[in-house]
Protein backbone atom coordinates (compact mmCIF):
# COMPACT_ATOMS: atom_id res chain seq x y z
CA MET A 1 132.17 104.50 97.73
CA ALA A 2 131.61 105.19 94.50
CA LEU A 3 133.46 102.33 92.71
CA ASP A 4 132.15 99.96 95.87
CA MET A 5 128.54 100.61 93.97
CA LEU A 6 129.42 100.36 90.34
CA ARG A 7 131.21 96.88 91.23
CA GLU A 8 127.32 96.05 93.55
CA MET A 9 125.39 97.56 90.99
CA ASP A 10 127.41 95.32 88.39
CA ALA A 11 126.27 92.29 90.55
CA PHE A 12 122.49 93.35 90.53
CA VAL A 13 122.68 93.11 87.01
CA SER A 14 123.74 89.94 86.94
CA VAL A 15 122.39 88.62 89.30
CA ALA A 16 119.12 89.88 87.52
CA HIS A 17 119.57 89.01 84.03
CA LYS A 18 120.85 85.43 85.07
CA ARG A 19 118.55 84.29 87.73
CA SER A 20 121.35 82.49 89.83
CA PHE A 21 124.05 83.73 92.18
CA VAL A 22 126.22 81.47 91.44
CA THR A 23 126.19 81.68 87.65
CA ALA A 24 126.57 85.25 88.42
CA ALA A 25 129.51 84.85 90.16
CA ARG A 26 130.97 82.55 87.58
CA ALA A 27 129.99 85.09 84.90
CA LEU A 28 131.63 87.78 86.74
CA GLY A 29 134.90 86.54 87.59
CA ARG A 30 133.50 86.77 91.39
CA SER A 31 133.45 84.22 94.07
CA PRO A 32 129.56 83.06 95.40
CA SER A 33 130.14 84.91 98.10
CA ALA A 34 131.39 88.13 97.15
CA VAL A 35 128.55 88.64 95.11
CA THR A 36 125.61 87.82 97.48
CA ARG A 37 128.00 90.47 99.35
CA ALA A 38 127.35 92.81 97.07
CA ILE A 39 123.92 92.44 96.94
CA GLN A 40 123.50 93.04 100.77
CA ALA A 41 125.61 95.63 100.61
CA LEU A 42 123.17 97.16 98.08
CA GLU A 43 119.84 96.12 99.81
CA ASP A 44 121.51 97.81 102.93
CA HIS A 45 122.49 101.39 100.27
CA THR A 46 118.36 101.42 98.83
CA GLY A 47 117.41 100.67 102.20
CA ALA A 48 115.29 98.28 99.32
CA LYS A 49 114.98 93.79 99.62
CA LEU A 50 116.09 93.43 95.73
CA PHE A 51 115.68 89.81 95.70
CA ASN A 52 113.29 86.85 96.37
CA ARG A 53 115.31 83.63 97.03
CA SER A 54 114.61 80.23 97.85
CA ALA A 55 116.48 77.05 96.71
CA SER A 56 114.90 77.12 93.26
CA ALA A 57 114.84 80.27 91.89
CA VAL A 58 116.49 84.37 92.38
CA THR A 59 114.08 86.32 91.19
CA LEU A 60 113.36 90.46 91.44
CA THR A 61 110.99 92.35 94.26
CA GLU A 62 109.44 94.68 92.31
CA ALA A 63 111.74 97.30 94.00
CA GLY A 64 114.27 95.33 91.88
CA GLU A 65 112.13 95.42 88.65
CA ARG A 66 112.85 99.45 89.19
CA LEU A 67 116.01 99.19 90.06
CA LEU A 68 117.77 97.05 87.08
CA PRO A 69 116.82 100.03 84.32
CA HIS A 70 118.72 102.66 85.98
CA ALA A 71 121.41 100.42 87.08
CA GLU A 72 122.05 98.73 83.28
CA ARG A 73 121.22 102.94 82.41
CA LEU A 74 124.77 103.81 85.00
CA LEU A 75 127.05 101.12 83.85
CA ASP A 76 127.12 101.97 80.61
CA VAL A 77 127.31 105.24 81.06
CA GLN A 78 130.95 104.15 83.51
CA ARG A 79 131.43 101.97 80.00
CA ASP A 80 131.19 104.95 78.32
CA ALA A 81 132.95 107.53 79.62
CA ALA A 82 135.95 104.94 80.39
CA ASP A 83 135.98 104.55 76.72
CA GLU A 84 136.18 108.65 76.43
CA LEU A 85 139.20 108.89 79.13
CA ALA A 86 140.48 106.48 76.45
CA ALA A 87 140.27 108.43 73.92
CA LEU A 88 141.91 111.41 75.40
CA THR A 89 144.21 109.98 76.92
CA GLY A 90 145.63 107.59 73.94
CA SER A 91 145.08 104.74 76.12
CA ALA A 92 143.04 101.66 76.64
CA GLN A 93 140.72 101.33 79.93
CA GLY A 94 137.87 99.81 81.05
CA TRP A 95 136.73 96.31 80.95
CA ILE A 96 136.46 93.45 78.45
CA ARG A 97 133.38 91.04 78.59
CA ILE A 98 133.61 87.73 76.07
CA ALA A 99 132.55 84.31 75.84
CA ALA A 100 134.50 81.62 73.55
CA PRO A 101 134.21 77.47 73.47
CA GLU A 102 136.25 75.89 75.67
CA ALA A 103 138.35 74.59 72.70
CA LEU A 104 139.57 78.59 72.19
CA ALA A 105 141.47 78.56 75.81
CA CYS A 106 143.36 75.33 74.68
CA ARG A 107 144.41 77.21 71.01
CA VAL A 108 144.74 81.24 70.08
CA LEU A 109 143.17 83.08 73.05
CA PRO A 110 146.32 82.48 75.96
CA GLN A 111 148.29 83.50 73.29
CA VAL A 112 146.03 86.38 71.83
CA LEU A 113 144.88 87.30 75.92
CA SER A 114 148.86 87.04 77.06
CA GLY A 115 149.78 89.61 74.48
CA PHE A 116 146.65 92.12 74.99
CA CYS A 117 147.11 92.03 78.64
CA ALA A 118 150.04 93.35 78.77
CA LYS A 119 149.87 95.96 75.98
CA HIS A 120 147.43 96.83 77.86
CA ARG A 121 147.83 96.91 81.51
CA GLN A 122 144.21 99.22 82.23
CA VAL A 123 142.44 96.70 80.22
CA THR A 124 140.71 93.90 82.70
CA VAL A 125 139.45 91.22 80.00
CA ASP A 126 136.88 88.93 81.61
CA VAL A 127 136.72 85.36 79.59
CA GLN A 128 133.71 83.11 80.02
CA TYR A 129 134.57 79.80 78.71
CA SER A 130 131.17 78.04 77.76
CA ASP A 131 130.05 75.70 74.58
CA GLU A 132 126.33 77.03 74.47
CA ALA A 133 125.22 79.49 72.30
CA LEU A 134 125.44 82.57 74.82
CA ASP A 135 123.10 85.59 73.85
CA PRO A 136 126.03 88.66 74.49
CA LEU A 137 122.99 90.87 75.10
CA GLN A 138 121.52 88.81 78.28
CA GLY A 139 124.71 88.61 79.35
CA ARG A 140 126.12 91.55 78.80
CA PHE A 141 129.66 90.31 76.70
CA ASP A 142 131.08 93.23 74.71
CA PHE A 143 131.23 90.28 72.22
CA VAL A 144 130.73 86.31 72.23
CA ILE A 145 132.86 84.19 70.10
CA ARG A 146 130.78 81.67 68.34
CA GLY A 147 132.00 78.26 65.83
CA ALA A 148 130.17 76.62 62.90
CA PHE A 149 127.65 78.39 61.18
CA ALA A 150 126.73 82.64 61.22
CA GLN A 151 123.25 82.78 62.25
CA SER A 152 120.68 85.40 61.22
CA SER A 153 119.94 88.16 64.13
CA GLU A 154 119.53 91.70 65.54
CA LEU A 155 123.69 90.80 66.26
CA ILE A 156 126.82 92.22 64.27
CA GLY A 157 129.13 89.03 62.20
CA TYR A 158 132.09 89.61 62.48
CA PRO A 159 134.23 86.62 60.67
CA LEU A 160 137.38 85.61 62.70
CA TRP A 161 138.58 82.89 60.09
CA GLY A 162 137.35 79.78 58.22
CA TYR A 163 137.83 75.91 59.17
CA ARG A 164 136.90 72.38 57.72
CA ARG A 165 136.24 69.06 60.19
CA HIS A 166 137.84 65.90 59.82
CA LEU A 167 137.17 62.41 61.34
CA TYR A 168 139.99 62.23 63.82
CA ALA A 169 140.86 59.03 65.43
CA SER A 170 144.52 58.32 67.83
CA PRO A 171 147.18 56.16 66.18
CA GLU A 172 145.64 53.66 69.90
CA TYR A 173 142.57 53.43 68.66
CA LEU A 174 143.05 52.29 65.29
CA ALA A 175 145.77 49.91 66.09
CA ARG A 176 143.33 48.10 68.38
CA GLU A 177 140.11 48.46 65.85
CA GLY A 178 141.12 48.64 62.92
CA THR A 179 140.72 51.70 60.03
CA PRO A 180 138.07 52.35 58.71
CA GLU A 181 137.53 51.68 55.25
CA GLY A 182 134.42 53.54 53.68
CA ILE A 183 132.03 55.31 55.22
CA ASP A 184 129.32 52.56 56.35
CA ALA A 185 132.44 51.02 58.15
CA LEU A 186 131.82 53.54 61.32
CA GLN A 187 128.77 51.70 62.32
CA GLY A 188 131.57 49.45 63.90
CA HIS A 189 134.03 51.63 65.58
CA SER A 190 133.17 53.39 68.85
CA LEU A 191 132.05 57.15 67.73
CA ILE A 192 132.31 60.01 70.20
CA LEU A 193 129.78 62.88 69.49
CA HIS A 194 129.74 66.88 71.14
CA THR A 195 125.99 67.95 71.83
CA ALA A 196 126.70 71.43 71.88
CA PRO A 197 125.18 74.10 71.68
CA ARG A 198 123.12 71.30 69.39
CA ILE A 199 123.17 68.30 68.66
CA LEU A 200 124.30 67.17 64.73
CA LYS A 201 121.90 63.86 63.91
CA ALA A 202 123.92 63.59 60.49
CA TRP A 203 127.28 64.16 59.47
CA HIS A 204 127.75 65.42 55.67
CA PHE A 205 130.90 64.04 54.08
CA CYS A 206 131.85 66.10 51.29
CA ARG A 207 134.56 64.96 48.72
CA GLU A 208 134.85 67.06 45.45
CA GLY A 209 131.83 68.76 46.17
CA SER A 210 130.18 65.62 46.15
CA ILE A 211 127.60 64.87 49.07
CA SER A 212 127.34 61.69 51.28
CA SER A 213 125.39 62.10 54.40
CA PHE A 214 125.80 58.93 57.97
CA ARG A 215 124.08 59.06 60.94
CA PRO A 216 126.65 58.42 63.87
CA GLN A 217 125.17 56.34 67.27
CA PRO A 218 127.21 57.43 69.40
CA ARG A 219 129.21 55.55 71.31
CA LEU A 220 130.72 58.76 73.65
CA ARG A 221 127.76 62.55 74.38
CA LEU A 222 129.55 64.35 75.46
CA GLY A 223 129.30 68.44 76.10
CA SER A 224 132.74 70.04 75.89
CA GLY A 225 134.64 70.14 73.00
CA VAL A 226 137.37 70.09 74.46
CA ALA A 227 136.19 67.36 76.32
CA VAL A 228 136.30 65.57 72.66
CA LEU A 229 139.40 66.16 71.84
CA HIS A 230 140.55 64.46 75.38
CA SER A 231 138.35 61.81 74.58
CA THR A 232 140.20 61.16 71.11
CA LEU A 233 143.26 61.34 72.20
CA ALA A 234 143.11 58.78 74.80
CA GLY A 235 141.71 56.60 72.06
CA ALA A 236 138.05 56.36 72.87
CA GLY A 237 137.00 56.58 69.68
CA ILE A 238 136.25 58.35 66.38
CA ALA A 239 134.78 61.97 66.94
CA ARG A 240 134.11 65.15 63.76
CA LEU A 241 137.33 68.07 64.94
CA ALA A 242 137.56 70.84 63.80
CA ASP A 243 141.17 70.99 62.04
CA TRP A 244 142.17 74.17 64.06
CA LEU A 245 142.11 71.93 66.59
CA ALA A 246 142.92 68.44 65.86
CA GLU A 247 146.03 69.54 63.21
CA PRO A 248 148.55 70.40 66.06
CA GLU A 249 147.55 67.07 67.99
CA VAL A 250 148.49 65.28 63.92
CA ARG A 251 151.40 66.73 63.53
CA ALA A 252 152.91 65.86 66.94
CA GLY A 253 151.53 61.84 66.28
CA ARG A 254 148.95 61.85 68.34
CA LEU A 255 146.07 61.68 66.46
CA VAL A 256 145.22 60.53 62.95
CA ARG A 257 142.83 62.10 59.74
CA VAL A 258 140.23 59.32 59.28
CA TYR A 259 138.97 59.22 55.87
CA PRO A 260 141.40 62.10 55.00
CA ASP A 261 140.35 62.24 51.23
CA TYR A 262 136.73 64.18 53.15
CA HIS A 263 135.61 67.23 54.87
CA LEU A 264 132.77 67.54 57.07
CA THR A 265 130.53 69.83 56.13
CA SER A 266 126.48 70.91 55.82
CA SER A 267 124.03 69.55 54.53
CA SER A 268 124.53 72.29 51.44
CA GLY A 269 128.63 71.93 51.75
CA GLN A 270 129.20 74.47 53.59
CA ASP A 271 132.38 74.56 55.69
CA PRO A 272 131.53 76.48 59.39
CA GLN A 273 133.34 79.65 60.74
CA MET A 274 134.76 80.82 63.67
CA HIS A 275 132.65 84.38 64.01
CA ALA A 276 132.20 86.50 66.94
CA VAL A 277 128.45 88.18 67.59
CA TYR A 278 128.07 91.66 69.55
CA PRO A 279 125.18 93.90 69.97
CA THR A 280 124.46 96.99 67.41
CA GLY A 281 125.56 100.66 68.52
CA GLU A 282 129.38 101.09 68.65
CA VAL A 283 131.83 99.31 69.53
CA PRO A 284 134.73 100.89 72.03
CA ALA A 285 137.83 101.02 70.44
CA ARG A 286 139.32 98.62 72.86
CA VAL A 287 136.83 96.00 71.87
CA ARG A 288 137.93 96.12 68.23
CA GLU A 289 141.43 95.66 69.04
CA LEU A 290 140.93 92.52 70.92
CA LEU A 291 138.68 91.14 67.70
CA GLN A 292 141.16 92.55 65.48
CA ALA A 293 143.82 90.53 67.79
CA VAL A 294 142.03 87.45 67.85
CA ARG A 295 141.14 87.52 64.12
CA ALA A 296 144.99 88.13 63.10
CA ALA A 297 146.19 85.15 65.07
CA ARG A 298 143.97 82.27 62.90
CA PRO A 299 145.67 79.15 64.04
CA GLN A 300 147.23 77.27 60.65
CA GLN A 301 144.40 74.47 59.25
CA SER A 302 144.49 71.29 56.91
CA LYS A 303 145.55 71.12 54.15
CA LYS A 304 142.29 71.20 51.97
CA PRO A 305 142.26 67.65 49.54
């Protein structure tokens, strides 16, 4: 009964933060019907209606608003208890909830998670893949992996690995459309633009410390980094991709680096970095170990021109 109550509280807190049963279910790795049943069971136990539900919105009732801070504290206590037991037994246990860009489902994380879960059989890892810049506080994630450039906030940053961006195209595309000579020649090509977590107005090309800017007019705008990669592999056009994602395809002969003497940076010439962010406070040992495993698995990068 106690475990059932914890699962019900977990579902309640997630729906309260997400304002959606479907989104909460996706974040928890459960089905929407299972989350709905958990909320119904919690409402039966408390004897109070916790949510107002309509076709357009899910909002907390007064009873739900009063219950929410207590439910959050209960889940925090449960997590702290799991950490204390892990310290006593010398083995990690409990839940780890993280979020990461979709591209990490293609590289790095599958291998890391396989090894981590084989080593820690008492730990359940819940991963939400999204290219949006999710907030670990709002989403109740232990940490969120992000790319590009760290933003100052109340969150703690944990660097994972630096990388470079280049332009890539498939050999088939370049054979059909020709290889552009000079940055301005991109105007005549099909360009693919990644629109998440934000739309970039310009690409900044760096060579030997000198920066040239170009405003891409995309033929394809895609909200998924994985979709950008696969569209580029399919010959749809030229795309800006991270070297750790694209270089294995170059070595396999499926992609070609366009303008090999250039890499793409911020407007000030900075290279991006994969990093994790998490709320302030003590990080459980199991979470620290997973972070260290991700950092240790840094992928092979392109050679610097």
